[in-house]
């Protein structure tokens, strides 16, 4: 159970922040960049959920909870990715849920005939912005993984999340996506 009585601690005034294991990192460190990008995606999901149907908003809230798990995972350095009562790690079942959600949403959509333009409805546009930010979070996590160990399930989750958000945007537009017309403005 997390309990925060005091929001400011002053410990970050020197440009560092604490990780789960008690170590400190510069706020511009690759690990902190990945954690921050995941936090940004989480915030944008909250914004997108406001424009979505109630059942979709519930799914998005589930994803927000998963992203807090993922942030905690990234904030726990090391190479032991087994979850425990004291260590939060993203697990395969969280990735599997996203895959099933993608398949369910995609079932009723027409096949793509072209690349789509991010937009259509306000809700879809919000989801597209979130998708693009999720891809940045994935790039940050992959960059971190090139320098130190990162849970492979966390990387898989971020990869599936952008796929989920792409299909969700299409479903939100009921398959009536604005399509890219190559060279249309020449």
N, C-alpha and C. Protein backbone atom coordinates (compact mmCIF):
# COMPACT_ATOMS: atom_id res chain seq x y z
N UNK A 1 0.84 -1.18 0.00
CA UNK A 1 0.00 0.00 0.00
C UNK A 1 0.88 1.24 0.00
N UNK A 2 0.64 2.12 -0.93
CA UNK A 2 1.39 3.36 -1.04
C UNK A 2 0.70 4.41 -0.18
N UNK A 3 1.48 5.12 0.61
CA UNK A 3 0.94 6.19 1.44
C UNK A 3 1.88 7.38 1.33
N UNK A 4 1.37 8.48 0.80
CA UNK A 4 2.17 9.69 0.63
C UNK A 4 1.55 10.81 1.45
N UNK A 5 2.21 11.19 2.51
CA UNK A 5 1.71 12.29 3.33
C UNK A 5 2.31 13.62 2.87
N UNK A 6 3.52 13.56 2.37
CA UNK A 6 4.23 14.76 1.98
C UNK A 6 4.69 14.58 0.53
N UNK A 7 4.34 15.50 -0.33
CA UNK A 7 4.66 15.36 -1.75
C UNK A 7 6.09 15.79 -2.04
N UNK A 8 6.56 16.83 -1.43
CA UNK A 8 7.93 17.26 -1.70
C UNK A 8 8.87 16.72 -0.63
N UNK A 9 10.06 16.31 -1.08
CA UNK A 9 11.05 15.75 -0.16
C UNK A 9 12.36 16.54 -0.19
N UNK A 10 12.52 17.36 -1.20
CA UNK A 10 13.74 18.15 -1.42
C UNK A 10 14.95 17.29 -1.83
N UNK A 11 14.80 15.97 -1.87
CA UNK A 11 15.94 15.12 -2.22
C UNK A 11 16.30 15.23 -3.69
N UNK A 12 15.38 15.70 -4.51
CA UNK A 12 15.65 15.84 -5.94
C UNK A 12 16.18 17.20 -6.34
N UNK A 13 16.37 18.05 -5.37
CA UNK A 13 16.86 19.40 -5.69
C UNK A 13 18.25 19.40 -6.31
N UNK A 14 18.98 18.32 -6.13
CA UNK A 14 20.33 18.23 -6.70
C UNK A 14 20.33 17.64 -8.11
N UNK A 15 19.12 17.45 -8.68
CA UNK A 15 19.03 16.93 -10.04
C UNK A 15 19.03 15.41 -10.13
N UNK A 16 18.81 14.75 -8.98
CA UNK A 16 18.74 13.28 -8.98
C UNK A 16 17.37 12.86 -8.46
N UNK A 17 17.07 11.60 -8.70
CA UNK A 17 15.83 11.02 -8.18
C UNK A 17 16.11 9.60 -7.72
N UNK A 18 15.31 9.13 -6.77
CA UNK A 18 15.53 7.81 -6.19
C UNK A 18 14.79 6.72 -6.93
N UNK A 19 15.42 5.55 -6.97
CA UNK A 19 14.81 4.36 -7.55
C UNK A 19 14.36 3.42 -6.43
N UNK A 20 13.65 2.38 -6.80
CA UNK A 20 13.09 1.44 -5.83
C UNK A 20 14.17 0.82 -4.95
N UNK A 21 15.33 0.54 -5.52
CA UNK A 21 16.41 -0.11 -4.76
C UNK A 21 17.19 0.86 -3.87
N UNK A 22 16.77 2.13 -3.85
CA UNK A 22 17.44 3.12 -3.02
C UNK A 22 18.55 3.88 -3.73
N UNK A 23 18.94 3.42 -4.92
CA UNK A 23 19.97 4.14 -5.66
C UNK A 23 19.38 5.44 -6.21
N UNK A 24 20.26 6.33 -6.61
CA UNK A 24 19.83 7.61 -7.16
C UNK A 24 20.39 7.75 -8.57
N UNK A 25 19.61 8.37 -9.42
CA UNK A 25 20.01 8.61 -10.81
C UNK A 25 19.77 10.08 -11.15
N UNK A 26 20.58 10.57 -12.09
CA UNK A 26 20.34 11.91 -12.62
C UNK A 26 18.96 11.93 -13.29
N UNK A 27 18.28 13.02 -13.17
CA UNK A 27 16.94 13.12 -13.76
C UNK A 27 16.96 13.03 -15.28
N UNK A 28 18.13 13.22 -15.89
CA UNK A 28 18.25 13.09 -17.33
C UNK A 28 18.77 11.70 -17.75
N UNK A 29 18.95 10.81 -16.81
CA UNK A 29 19.40 9.44 -17.07
C UNK A 29 18.42 8.71 -17.99
N UNK A 30 18.92 7.77 -18.77
CA UNK A 30 18.07 7.02 -19.71
C UNK A 30 16.92 6.30 -18.99
N UNK A 31 17.18 5.79 -17.80
CA UNK A 31 16.11 5.11 -17.06
C UNK A 31 15.02 6.10 -16.68
N UNK A 32 15.43 7.29 -16.27
CA UNK A 32 14.45 8.30 -15.87
C UNK A 32 13.68 8.81 -17.09
N UNK A 33 14.35 8.88 -18.25
CA UNK A 33 13.68 9.27 -19.48
C UNK A 33 12.58 8.27 -19.81
N UNK A 34 12.88 6.98 -19.72
CA UNK A 34 11.89 5.95 -20.02
C UNK A 34 10.72 6.02 -19.04
N UNK A 35 11.02 6.18 -17.76
CA UNK A 35 9.96 6.28 -16.75
C UNK A 35 9.08 7.50 -17.02
N UNK A 36 9.71 8.62 -17.35
CA UNK A 36 8.96 9.84 -17.63
C UNK A 36 8.09 9.71 -18.87
N UNK A 37 8.60 9.05 -19.90
CA UNK A 37 7.80 8.85 -21.11
C UNK A 37 6.61 7.95 -20.85
N UNK A 38 6.78 6.93 -20.03
CA UNK A 38 5.66 6.06 -19.66
C UNK A 38 4.62 6.86 -18.87
N UNK A 39 5.08 7.73 -17.98
CA UNK A 39 4.18 8.59 -17.22
C UNK A 39 3.38 9.50 -18.15
N UNK A 40 4.05 10.03 -19.17
CA UNK A 40 3.35 10.89 -20.14
C UNK A 40 2.28 10.11 -20.89
N UNK A 41 2.58 8.90 -21.31
CA UNK A 41 1.59 8.06 -21.98
C UNK A 41 0.40 7.83 -21.05
N UNK A 42 0.68 7.54 -19.80
CA UNK A 42 -0.38 7.28 -18.84
C UNK A 42 -1.30 8.50 -18.71
N UNK A 43 -0.72 9.68 -18.65
CA UNK A 43 -1.51 10.90 -18.56
C UNK A 43 -2.36 11.11 -19.80
N UNK A 44 -1.79 10.86 -20.96
CA UNK A 44 -2.54 11.01 -22.20
C UNK A 44 -3.66 9.98 -22.32
N UNK A 45 -3.46 8.79 -21.78
CA UNK A 45 -4.53 7.79 -21.78
C UNK A 45 -5.71 8.32 -20.95
N UNK A 46 -5.40 8.96 -19.83
CA UNK A 46 -6.47 9.56 -19.02
C UNK A 46 -7.24 10.61 -19.80
N UNK A 47 -6.54 11.40 -20.60
CA UNK A 47 -7.19 12.42 -21.43
C UNK A 47 -8.02 11.76 -22.53
N UNK A 48 -7.48 10.74 -23.17
CA UNK A 48 -8.22 10.04 -24.23
C UNK A 48 -9.48 9.38 -23.67
N UNK A 49 -9.37 8.81 -22.48
CA UNK A 49 -10.51 8.10 -21.88
C UNK A 49 -11.71 9.01 -21.70
N UNK A 50 -11.48 10.30 -21.47
CA UNK A 50 -12.58 11.25 -21.28
C UNK A 50 -13.46 11.37 -22.52
N UNK A 51 -12.92 11.07 -23.69
CA UNK A 51 -13.66 11.20 -24.93
C UNK A 51 -14.16 9.85 -25.46
N UNK A 52 -13.90 8.77 -24.71
CA UNK A 52 -14.25 7.43 -25.18
C UNK A 52 -15.50 6.90 -24.48
N UNK A 53 -16.06 5.86 -25.07
CA UNK A 53 -17.21 5.18 -24.47
C UNK A 53 -16.81 4.57 -23.13
N UNK A 54 -17.81 4.32 -22.29
CA UNK A 54 -17.56 3.85 -20.93
C UNK A 54 -16.77 2.54 -20.88
N UNK A 55 -17.10 1.58 -21.73
CA UNK A 55 -16.37 0.31 -21.71
C UNK A 55 -14.92 0.50 -22.14
N UNK A 56 -14.69 1.36 -23.11
CA UNK A 56 -13.33 1.66 -23.54
C UNK A 56 -12.58 2.39 -22.44
N UNK A 57 -13.25 3.32 -21.77
CA UNK A 57 -12.62 4.06 -20.67
C UNK A 57 -12.20 3.10 -19.56
N UNK A 58 -13.00 2.06 -19.30
CA UNK A 58 -12.63 1.04 -18.30
C UNK A 58 -11.37 0.29 -18.72
N UNK A 59 -11.32 -0.08 -20.01
CA UNK A 59 -10.11 -0.75 -20.52
C UNK A 59 -8.89 0.15 -20.42
N UNK A 60 -9.09 1.42 -20.71
CA UNK A 60 -7.97 2.36 -20.63
C UNK A 60 -7.51 2.54 -19.19
N UNK A 61 -8.44 2.49 -18.25
CA UNK A 61 -8.04 2.59 -16.84
C UNK A 61 -7.24 1.35 -16.43
N UNK A 62 -7.61 0.20 -16.94
CA UNK A 62 -6.82 -1.01 -16.69
C UNK A 62 -5.39 -0.81 -17.21
N UNK A 63 -5.28 -0.26 -18.40
CA UNK A 63 -3.96 -0.01 -18.99
C UNK A 63 -3.19 0.99 -18.15
N UNK A 64 -3.87 2.01 -17.63
CA UNK A 64 -3.19 2.98 -16.77
C UNK A 64 -2.60 2.28 -15.54
N UNK A 65 -3.34 1.36 -14.96
CA UNK A 65 -2.81 0.60 -13.82
C UNK A 65 -1.59 -0.21 -14.24
N UNK A 66 -1.68 -0.85 -15.43
CA UNK A 66 -0.53 -1.60 -15.95
C UNK A 66 0.67 -0.70 -16.15
N UNK A 67 0.43 0.53 -16.61
CA UNK A 67 1.54 1.45 -16.84
C UNK A 67 2.19 1.89 -15.53
N UNK A 68 1.42 1.94 -14.44
CA UNK A 68 2.05 2.20 -13.14
C UNK A 68 2.93 1.01 -12.76
N UNK A 69 2.45 -0.21 -13.03
CA UNK A 69 3.29 -1.39 -12.81
C UNK A 69 4.57 -1.29 -13.64
N UNK A 70 4.41 -0.88 -14.91
CA UNK A 70 5.55 -0.78 -15.80
C UNK A 70 6.53 0.29 -15.31
N UNK A 71 6.02 1.41 -14.83
CA UNK A 71 6.89 2.44 -14.27
C UNK A 71 7.65 1.92 -13.07
N UNK A 72 6.97 1.17 -12.21
CA UNK A 72 7.64 0.57 -11.05
C UNK A 72 8.68 -0.44 -11.50
N UNK A 73 8.38 -1.19 -12.55
CA UNK A 73 9.32 -2.16 -13.12
C UNK A 73 10.58 -1.43 -13.59
N UNK A 74 10.40 -0.36 -14.36
CA UNK A 74 11.54 0.40 -14.85
C UNK A 74 12.32 1.06 -13.71
N UNK A 75 11.63 1.39 -12.62
CA UNK A 75 12.27 2.04 -11.48
C UNK A 75 13.00 1.05 -10.57
N UNK A 76 12.99 -0.24 -10.97
CA UNK A 76 13.65 -1.28 -10.20
C UNK A 76 14.78 -1.87 -11.04
N UNK A 77 15.99 -1.29 -10.95
CA UNK A 77 17.09 -1.81 -11.76
C UNK A 77 17.49 -3.22 -11.35
N UNK A 78 18.15 -3.89 -12.25
CA UNK A 78 18.63 -5.24 -11.98
C UNK A 78 18.26 -6.16 -13.12
N UNK A 79 18.65 -7.41 -12.98
CA UNK A 79 18.38 -8.36 -14.06
C UNK A 79 17.51 -9.54 -13.61
N UNK A 80 16.91 -9.43 -12.44
CA UNK A 80 15.94 -10.43 -11.98
C UNK A 80 14.55 -9.86 -12.23
N UNK A 81 13.87 -10.41 -13.22
CA UNK A 81 12.58 -9.87 -13.62
C UNK A 81 11.40 -10.67 -13.07
N UNK A 82 11.66 -11.52 -12.10
CA UNK A 82 10.59 -12.28 -11.46
C UNK A 82 9.82 -11.36 -10.51
N UNK A 83 8.50 -11.32 -10.66
CA UNK A 83 7.73 -10.50 -9.73
C UNK A 83 7.68 -11.16 -8.35
N UNK A 84 7.47 -10.35 -7.34
CA UNK A 84 7.30 -10.87 -5.99
C UNK A 84 6.35 -9.94 -5.26
N UNK A 85 6.10 -10.25 -4.02
CA UNK A 85 5.22 -9.40 -3.22
C UNK A 85 5.79 -7.99 -3.08
N UNK A 86 7.11 -7.88 -3.11
CA UNK A 86 7.75 -6.59 -2.90
C UNK A 86 8.26 -5.94 -4.21
N UNK A 87 8.25 -6.71 -5.31
CA UNK A 87 8.79 -6.19 -6.57
C UNK A 87 7.74 -6.32 -7.66
N UNK A 88 7.36 -5.18 -8.23
CA UNK A 88 6.40 -5.17 -9.33
C UNK A 88 7.14 -5.36 -10.65
N UNK A 89 6.72 -6.32 -11.40
CA UNK A 89 7.25 -6.56 -12.74
C UNK A 89 6.07 -6.77 -13.68
N UNK A 90 6.20 -6.30 -14.91
CA UNK A 90 5.20 -6.59 -15.92
C UNK A 90 5.35 -8.07 -16.26
N UNK A 91 4.22 -8.75 -16.42
CA UNK A 91 4.24 -10.20 -16.68
C UNK A 91 3.51 -10.49 -18.00
N UNK A 92 3.73 -11.68 -18.51
CA UNK A 92 3.19 -12.09 -19.81
C UNK A 92 1.68 -11.95 -19.89
N UNK A 93 0.95 -12.18 -18.80
CA UNK A 93 -0.51 -12.09 -18.85
C UNK A 93 -0.99 -10.67 -19.15
N UNK A 94 -0.21 -9.68 -18.76
CA UNK A 94 -0.57 -8.30 -19.09
C UNK A 94 -0.41 -8.03 -20.59
N UNK A 95 0.63 -8.58 -21.18
CA UNK A 95 0.84 -8.47 -22.63
C UNK A 95 -0.25 -9.26 -23.35
N UNK A 96 -0.56 -10.45 -22.85
CA UNK A 96 -1.60 -11.28 -23.47
C UNK A 96 -2.95 -10.56 -23.49
N UNK A 97 -3.29 -9.87 -22.40
CA UNK A 97 -4.57 -9.15 -22.34
C UNK A 97 -4.63 -8.11 -23.46
N UNK A 98 -3.51 -7.39 -23.66
CA UNK A 98 -3.49 -6.40 -24.74
C UNK A 98 -3.69 -7.07 -26.10
N UNK A 99 -3.05 -8.19 -26.32
CA UNK A 99 -3.19 -8.89 -27.60
C UNK A 99 -4.63 -9.31 -27.84
N UNK A 100 -5.28 -9.83 -26.81
CA UNK A 100 -6.69 -10.23 -26.94
C UNK A 100 -7.57 -9.01 -27.20
N UNK A 101 -7.27 -7.90 -26.55
CA UNK A 101 -8.05 -6.68 -26.77
C UNK A 101 -7.86 -6.17 -28.20
N UNK A 102 -6.63 -6.25 -28.71
CA UNK A 102 -6.36 -5.85 -30.10
C UNK A 102 -7.17 -6.71 -31.05
N UNK A 103 -7.13 -8.02 -30.86
CA UNK A 103 -7.85 -8.94 -31.74
C UNK A 103 -9.35 -8.67 -31.70
N UNK A 104 -9.90 -8.43 -30.51
CA UNK A 104 -11.34 -8.17 -30.38
C UNK A 104 -11.73 -6.88 -31.10
N UNK A 105 -10.94 -5.83 -30.95
CA UNK A 105 -11.24 -4.57 -31.62
C UNK A 105 -11.10 -4.70 -33.14
N UNK A 106 -10.08 -5.41 -33.57
CA UNK A 106 -9.77 -5.51 -34.99
C UNK A 106 -10.77 -6.36 -35.76
N UNK A 107 -11.46 -7.25 -35.05
CA UNK A 107 -12.40 -8.18 -35.67
C UNK A 107 -13.45 -7.48 -36.52
N UNK A 108 -13.95 -6.35 -36.05
CA UNK A 108 -15.06 -5.68 -36.75
C UNK A 108 -14.59 -4.58 -37.70
N UNK A 109 -13.30 -4.42 -37.85
CA UNK A 109 -12.79 -3.34 -38.71
C UNK A 109 -12.50 -3.83 -40.12
N UNK A 110 -12.76 -2.98 -41.10
CA UNK A 110 -12.39 -3.36 -42.47
C UNK A 110 -10.88 -3.37 -42.61
N UNK A 111 -10.36 -4.18 -43.55
CA UNK A 111 -8.91 -4.18 -43.78
C UNK A 111 -8.42 -2.79 -44.20
N UNK A 112 -7.21 -2.47 -43.84
CA UNK A 112 -6.63 -1.19 -44.25
C UNK A 112 -6.36 -1.18 -45.75
N UNK A 113 -6.71 -0.08 -46.40
CA UNK A 113 -6.45 0.08 -47.84
C UNK A 113 -5.34 1.10 -48.07
N UNK A 114 -4.98 1.80 -47.01
CA UNK A 114 -3.97 2.85 -47.10
C UNK A 114 -3.50 3.14 -45.69
N UNK A 115 -2.44 3.91 -45.56
CA UNK A 115 -2.10 4.43 -44.25
C UNK A 115 -3.20 5.40 -43.87
N UNK A 116 -3.42 5.53 -42.57
CA UNK A 116 -4.48 6.45 -42.14
C UNK A 116 -3.86 7.70 -41.54
N UNK A 117 -4.60 8.79 -41.66
CA UNK A 117 -4.19 10.05 -41.05
C UNK A 117 -4.68 10.05 -39.61
N UNK A 118 -3.84 10.49 -38.68
CA UNK A 118 -4.26 10.54 -37.29
C UNK A 118 -5.38 11.56 -37.11
N UNK A 119 -6.56 11.10 -36.81
CA UNK A 119 -7.69 12.00 -36.63
C UNK A 119 -8.99 11.27 -36.83
N UNK A 120 -9.93 11.96 -37.44
CA UNK A 120 -11.27 11.42 -37.63
C UNK A 120 -12.20 12.08 -36.63
N UNK A 121 -12.31 11.51 -35.47
CA UNK A 121 -13.11 12.09 -34.39
C UNK A 121 -12.16 12.65 -33.32
N UNK A 122 -12.72 13.44 -32.41
CA UNK A 122 -11.87 13.96 -31.32
C UNK A 122 -11.30 12.82 -30.49
N UNK A 123 -12.12 11.83 -30.18
CA UNK A 123 -11.64 10.70 -29.37
C UNK A 123 -10.50 9.98 -30.09
N UNK A 124 -10.67 9.71 -31.39
CA UNK A 124 -9.63 9.02 -32.15
C UNK A 124 -8.36 9.85 -32.22
N UNK A 125 -8.50 11.16 -32.38
CA UNK A 125 -7.32 12.03 -32.43
C UNK A 125 -6.56 11.97 -31.10
N UNK A 126 -7.29 11.97 -29.98
CA UNK A 126 -6.63 11.85 -28.67
C UNK A 126 -5.90 10.52 -28.55
N UNK A 127 -6.52 9.46 -29.04
CA UNK A 127 -5.90 8.13 -28.98
C UNK A 127 -4.65 8.10 -29.86
N UNK A 128 -4.71 8.74 -31.03
CA UNK A 128 -3.53 8.78 -31.91
C UNK A 128 -2.37 9.53 -31.26
N UNK A 129 -2.64 10.64 -30.58
CA UNK A 129 -1.57 11.37 -29.89
C UNK A 129 -0.96 10.46 -28.82
N UNK A 130 -1.81 9.73 -28.13
CA UNK A 130 -1.35 8.80 -27.10
C UNK A 130 -0.51 7.69 -27.73
N UNK A 131 -0.94 7.19 -28.87
CA UNK A 131 -0.20 6.14 -29.59
C UNK A 131 1.20 6.62 -29.97
N UNK A 132 1.28 7.83 -30.51
CA UNK A 132 2.59 8.36 -30.91
C UNK A 132 3.50 8.52 -29.69
N UNK A 133 2.93 8.92 -28.58
CA UNK A 133 3.71 9.07 -27.36
C UNK A 133 4.12 7.71 -26.80
N UNK A 134 3.25 6.71 -26.95
CA UNK A 134 3.60 5.35 -26.52
C UNK A 134 4.78 4.83 -27.33
N UNK A 135 4.84 5.18 -28.59
CA UNK A 135 5.98 4.75 -29.41
C UNK A 135 7.27 5.40 -28.93
N UNK A 136 7.17 6.67 -28.50
CA UNK A 136 8.36 7.34 -27.94
C UNK A 136 8.78 6.66 -26.65
N UNK A 137 7.81 6.31 -25.81
CA UNK A 137 8.13 5.60 -24.56
C UNK A 137 8.82 4.28 -24.86
N UNK A 138 8.35 3.59 -25.89
CA UNK A 138 8.99 2.33 -26.27
C UNK A 138 10.42 2.59 -26.74
N UNK A 139 10.62 3.62 -27.55
CA UNK A 139 11.99 3.94 -28.01
C UNK A 139 12.90 4.24 -26.83
N UNK A 140 12.39 4.97 -25.84
CA UNK A 140 13.20 5.28 -24.64
C UNK A 140 13.54 4.01 -23.87
N UNK A 141 12.57 3.12 -23.73
CA UNK A 141 12.82 1.87 -23.00
C UNK A 141 13.81 0.99 -23.75
N UNK A 142 13.70 0.95 -25.08
CA UNK A 142 14.64 0.16 -25.89
C UNK A 142 16.04 0.77 -25.80
N UNK A 143 16.14 2.09 -25.80
CA UNK A 143 17.44 2.74 -25.64
C UNK A 143 18.04 2.37 -24.28
N UNK A 144 17.22 2.39 -23.25
CA UNK A 144 17.69 1.98 -21.93
C UNK A 144 18.17 0.53 -21.96
N UNK A 145 17.40 -0.34 -22.62
CA UNK A 145 17.74 -1.76 -22.68
C UNK A 145 19.05 -2.01 -23.43
N UNK A 146 19.46 -1.07 -24.25
CA UNK A 146 20.75 -1.25 -24.95
C UNK A 146 21.92 -0.97 -24.01
N UNK A 147 21.63 -0.34 -22.87
CA UNK A 147 22.70 0.01 -21.93
C UNK A 147 22.67 -0.80 -20.64
N UNK A 148 21.49 -1.25 -20.24
CA UNK A 148 21.36 -2.04 -19.00
C UNK A 148 20.11 -2.90 -19.07
N UNK A 149 20.01 -3.90 -18.20
CA UNK A 149 18.89 -4.83 -18.30
C UNK A 149 17.52 -4.16 -18.10
N UNK A 150 16.57 -4.57 -18.95
CA UNK A 150 15.17 -4.14 -18.85
C UNK A 150 14.32 -5.38 -19.05
N UNK A 151 13.28 -5.49 -18.26
CA UNK A 151 12.36 -6.62 -18.35
C UNK A 151 11.83 -6.77 -19.78
N UNK A 152 12.06 -7.89 -20.44
CA UNK A 152 11.54 -8.08 -21.80
C UNK A 152 10.03 -7.95 -21.89
N UNK A 153 9.32 -8.32 -20.82
CA UNK A 153 7.86 -8.19 -20.83
C UNK A 153 7.43 -6.72 -20.82
N UNK A 154 8.21 -5.87 -20.18
CA UNK A 154 7.92 -4.43 -20.19
C UNK A 154 8.07 -3.89 -21.61
N UNK A 155 9.11 -4.33 -22.30
CA UNK A 155 9.31 -3.90 -23.69
C UNK A 155 8.18 -4.42 -24.59
N UNK A 156 7.81 -5.67 -24.40
CA UNK A 156 6.71 -6.24 -25.19
C UNK A 156 5.41 -5.49 -24.92
N UNK A 157 5.16 -5.14 -23.65
CA UNK A 157 3.94 -4.41 -23.30
C UNK A 157 3.89 -3.07 -24.04
N UNK A 158 4.98 -2.34 -24.03
CA UNK A 158 5.00 -1.04 -24.72
C UNK A 158 4.79 -1.21 -26.22
N UNK A 159 5.36 -2.26 -26.80
CA UNK A 159 5.17 -2.52 -28.22
C UNK A 159 3.71 -2.82 -28.53
N UNK A 160 3.08 -3.67 -27.73
CA UNK A 160 1.67 -4.00 -27.95
C UNK A 160 0.76 -2.81 -27.66
N UNK A 161 1.16 -1.98 -26.71
CA UNK A 161 0.33 -0.83 -26.36
C UNK A 161 0.14 0.09 -27.55
N UNK A 162 1.19 0.38 -28.28
CA UNK A 162 1.02 1.26 -29.45
C UNK A 162 0.15 0.58 -30.50
N UNK A 163 0.26 -0.74 -30.66
CA UNK A 163 -0.62 -1.47 -31.58
C UNK A 163 -2.07 -1.36 -31.11
N UNK A 164 -2.29 -1.57 -29.82
CA UNK A 164 -3.64 -1.47 -29.25
C UNK A 164 -4.22 -0.07 -29.52
N UNK A 165 -3.43 0.96 -29.26
CA UNK A 165 -3.93 2.32 -29.43
C UNK A 165 -4.23 2.63 -30.90
N UNK A 166 -3.45 2.07 -31.82
CA UNK A 166 -3.73 2.25 -33.24
C UNK A 166 -5.07 1.63 -33.60
N UNK A 167 -5.29 0.39 -33.16
CA UNK A 167 -6.54 -0.30 -33.49
C UNK A 167 -7.71 0.37 -32.75
N UNK A 168 -7.48 0.82 -31.52
CA UNK A 168 -8.53 1.53 -30.79
C UNK A 168 -8.94 2.80 -31.52
N UNK A 169 -7.99 3.55 -32.05
CA UNK A 169 -8.32 4.77 -32.80
C UNK A 169 -9.18 4.42 -34.02
N UNK A 170 -8.81 3.35 -34.70
CA UNK A 170 -9.62 2.91 -35.86
C UNK A 170 -11.01 2.49 -35.42
N UNK A 171 -11.11 1.76 -34.32
CA UNK A 171 -12.42 1.33 -33.82
C UNK A 171 -13.25 2.53 -33.38
N UNK A 172 -12.60 3.51 -32.78
CA UNK A 172 -13.30 4.72 -32.35
C UNK A 172 -13.88 5.45 -33.55
N UNK A 173 -13.20 5.39 -34.68
CA UNK A 173 -13.71 5.98 -35.92
C UNK A 173 -14.63 5.02 -36.68
N UNK A 174 -14.92 3.88 -36.07
CA UNK A 174 -15.77 2.85 -36.69
C UNK A 174 -15.25 2.47 -38.08
N UNK A 175 -13.92 2.48 -38.24
CA UNK A 175 -13.34 2.08 -39.51
C UNK A 175 -13.41 3.16 -40.58
N UNK A 176 -14.01 4.30 -40.27
CA UNK A 176 -14.10 5.41 -41.23
C UNK A 176 -12.95 6.38 -41.03
N UNK A 177 -11.76 5.86 -41.20
CA UNK A 177 -10.55 6.64 -40.95
C UNK A 177 -10.25 7.56 -42.13
N UNK A 178 -9.72 8.74 -41.82
CA UNK A 178 -9.21 9.56 -42.93
C UNK A 178 -7.97 8.89 -43.50
N UNK A 179 -7.96 8.70 -44.79
CA UNK A 179 -6.87 7.96 -45.43
C UNK A 179 -5.84 8.89 -46.04
N UNK A 180 -4.60 8.45 -46.01
CA UNK A 180 -3.50 9.15 -46.66
C UNK A 180 -3.65 8.95 -48.17
N UNK A 181 -3.57 10.02 -48.90
CA UNK A 181 -3.57 9.96 -50.35
C UNK A 181 -2.19 10.43 -50.80
N UNK A 182 -1.32 9.51 -51.18
CA UNK A 182 0.04 9.88 -51.55
C UNK A 182 0.07 10.93 -52.66
N UNK A 183 0.82 11.98 -52.44
CA UNK A 183 0.99 13.03 -53.45
C UNK A 183 -0.25 13.86 -53.71
N UNK A 184 -1.23 13.83 -52.82
CA UNK A 184 -2.51 14.52 -53.06
C UNK A 184 -2.38 16.02 -53.21
N UNK A 185 -1.34 16.60 -52.65
CA UNK A 185 -1.22 18.07 -52.67
C UNK A 185 -0.24 18.58 -53.72
N UNK A 186 0.21 17.71 -54.59
CA UNK A 186 1.18 18.14 -55.62
C UNK A 186 0.51 19.03 -56.65
